């Protein structure tokens, strides 16, 4: 299991993120506080507070997706 902190600022970022997450054959969750959403759900991710730093939890490993997350990574 891999966890990364990211920040999605625009709706286009969310659409691109969900599209990339959907290519993975394992579960990916995105959350903050106690709100957990399936990262492959465009409506779920759009319903989150995008002003917050979000945590992505991957229940598998895909090097291409991990590299993609670097685009939105927060220190």
C-alpha atoms as a PDB file:
ATOM      1  CA  UNK A   1       0.000   0.000   0.000  1.00  0.00           C
ATOM      2  CA  UNK A   2       1.351   3.396  -1.036  1.00  0.00           C
ATOM      3  CA  UNK A   3       0.131   6.768   0.258  1.00  0.00           C
ATOM      4  CA  UNK A   4       0.892  10.106  -1.400  1.00  0.00           C
ATOM      5  CA  UNK A   5      -0.199  13.669  -0.602  1.00  0.00           C
ATOM      6  CA  UNK A   6      -1.561  15.589  -3.593  1.00  0.00           C
ATOM      7  CA  UNK A   7      -3.416  18.790  -4.435  1.00  0.00           C
ATOM      8  CA  UNK A   8      -5.954  18.936  -7.264  1.00  0.00           C
ATOM      9  CA  UNK A   9      -6.746  22.550  -8.067  1.00  0.00           C
ATOM     10  CA  UNK A  10      -8.875  22.518 -11.231  1.00  0.00           C
ATOM     11  CA  UNK A  11     -11.731  20.418 -12.580  1.00  0.00           C
ATOM     12  CA  UNK A  12      -9.525  19.465 -15.518  1.00  0.00           C
ATOM     13  CA  UNK A  13      -6.978  18.068 -13.036  1.00  0.00           C
ATOM     14  CA  UNK A  14      -9.711  15.963 -11.411  1.00  0.00           C
ATOM     15  CA  UNK A  15     -10.864  14.606 -14.773  1.00  0.00           C
ATOM     16  CA  UNK A  16      -7.307  13.703 -15.762  1.00  0.00           C
ATOM     17  CA  UNK A  17      -6.593  12.154 -12.332  1.00  0.00           C
ATOM     18  CA  UNK A  18      -9.719   9.957 -12.398  1.00  0.00           C
ATOM     19  CA  UNK A  19      -8.932   8.901 -15.969  1.00  0.00           C
ATOM     20  CA  UNK A  20      -5.409   7.797 -14.965  1.00  0.00           C
ATOM     21  CA  UNK A  21      -6.659   6.075 -11.786  1.00  0.00           C
ATOM     22  CA  UNK A  22      -9.234   4.138 -13.818  1.00  0.00           C
ATOM     23  CA  UNK A  23      -6.421   2.548 -15.838  1.00  0.00           C
ATOM     24  CA  UNK A  24      -5.131   0.749 -12.717  1.00  0.00           C
ATOM     25  CA  UNK A  25      -6.443  -2.725 -11.893  1.00  0.00           C
ATOM     26  CA  UNK A  26      -6.377  -2.193  -8.102  1.00  0.00           C
ATOM     27  CA  UNK A  27      -8.357  -0.050  -5.664  1.00  0.00           C
ATOM     28  CA  UNK A  28      -7.334   3.569  -5.204  1.00  0.00           C
ATOM     29  CA  UNK A  29      -8.890   5.754  -2.518  1.00  0.00           C
ATOM     30  CA  UNK A  30      -8.574   9.485  -2.008  1.00  0.00           C
ATOM     31  CA  UNK A  31      -9.311  11.015   1.373  1.00  0.00           C
ATOM     32  CA  UNK A  32      -8.946  13.771   3.938  1.00  0.00           C
ATOM     33  CA  UNK A  33     -10.014  13.624   7.597  1.00  0.00           C
ATOM     34  CA  UNK A  34     -12.662  10.879   7.681  1.00  0.00           C
ATOM     35  CA  UNK A  35     -13.995  11.349   4.144  1.00  0.00           C
ATOM     36  CA  UNK A  36     -12.910   8.475   1.880  1.00  0.00           C
ATOM     37  CA  UNK A  37     -13.816   8.417  -1.822  1.00  0.00           C
ATOM     38  CA  UNK A  38     -13.100   5.944  -4.609  1.00  0.00           C
ATOM     39  CA  UNK A  39     -10.505   7.722  -6.767  1.00  0.00           C
ATOM     40  CA  UNK A  40     -12.055   6.199  -9.907  1.00  0.00           C
ATOM     41  CA  UNK A  41     -15.338   8.082  -9.306  1.00  0.00           C
ATOM     42  CA  UNK A  42     -15.399  11.466 -11.036  1.00  0.00           C
ATOM     43  CA  UNK A  43     -18.462  12.620  -9.078  1.00  0.00           C
ATOM     44  CA  UNK A  44     -16.938  11.441  -5.812  1.00  0.00           C
ATOM     45  CA  UNK A  45     -13.666  13.280  -6.347  1.00  0.00           C
ATOM     46  CA  UNK A  46     -15.436  16.434  -7.553  1.00  0.00           C
ATOM     47  CA  UNK A  47     -17.559  16.390  -4.378  1.00  0.00           C
ATOM     48  CA  UNK A  48     -14.428  16.695  -2.209  1.00  0.00           C
ATOM     49  CA  UNK A  49     -13.068  19.987  -0.937  1.00  0.00           C
ATOM     50  CA  UNK A  50     -10.368  20.660  -3.544  1.00  0.00           C
ATOM     51  CA  UNK A  51      -8.845  23.429  -1.434  1.00  0.00           C
ATOM     52  CA  UNK A  52      -7.438  20.754   0.893  1.00  0.00           C
ATOM     53  CA  UNK A  53      -4.381  18.579   0.552  1.00  0.00           C
ATOM     54  CA  UNK A  54      -5.670  15.096  -0.253  1.00  0.00           C
ATOM     55  CA  UNK A  55      -4.135  11.710   0.474  1.00  0.00           C
ATOM     56  CA  UNK A  56      -4.142   9.033  -2.224  1.00  0.00           C
ATOM     57  CA  UNK A  57      -3.930   5.418  -1.055  1.00  0.00           C
ATOM     58  CA  UNK A  58      -3.069   2.812  -3.697  1.00  0.00           C
ATOM     59  CA  UNK A  59      -3.761  -0.821  -2.801  1.00  0.00           C
ATOM     60  CA  UNK A  60      -1.380  -2.025  -5.468  1.00  0.00           C
ATOM     61  CA  UNK A  61       1.614  -0.823  -7.431  1.00  0.00           C
ATOM     62  CA  UNK A  62       1.793   0.754 -10.873  1.00  0.00           C
ATOM     63  CA  UNK A  63       5.006   2.626 -11.684  1.00  0.00           C
ATOM     64  CA  UNK A  64       3.327   4.704 -14.408  1.00  0.00           C
ATOM     65  CA  UNK A  65       0.577   5.898 -12.024  1.00  0.00           C
ATOM     66  CA  UNK A  66       3.124   6.662  -9.280  1.00  0.00           C
ATOM     67  CA  UNK A  67       5.089   8.791 -11.747  1.00  0.00           C
ATOM     68  CA  UNK A  68       1.863  10.516 -12.789  1.00  0.00           C
ATOM     69  CA  UNK A  69       1.137  11.440  -9.140  1.00  0.00           C
ATOM     70  CA  UNK A  70       4.388  13.426  -9.061  1.00  0.00           C
ATOM     71  CA  UNK A  71       2.567  16.059 -11.120  1.00  0.00           C
ATOM     72  CA  UNK A  72       0.248  16.833  -8.163  1.00  0.00           C
ATOM     73  CA  UNK A  73       2.573  15.935  -5.270  1.00  0.00           C
ATOM     74  CA  UNK A  74       2.764  18.149  -2.218  1.00  0.00           C
ATOM     75  CA  UNK A  75       5.874  18.180  -0.030  1.00  0.00           C
END
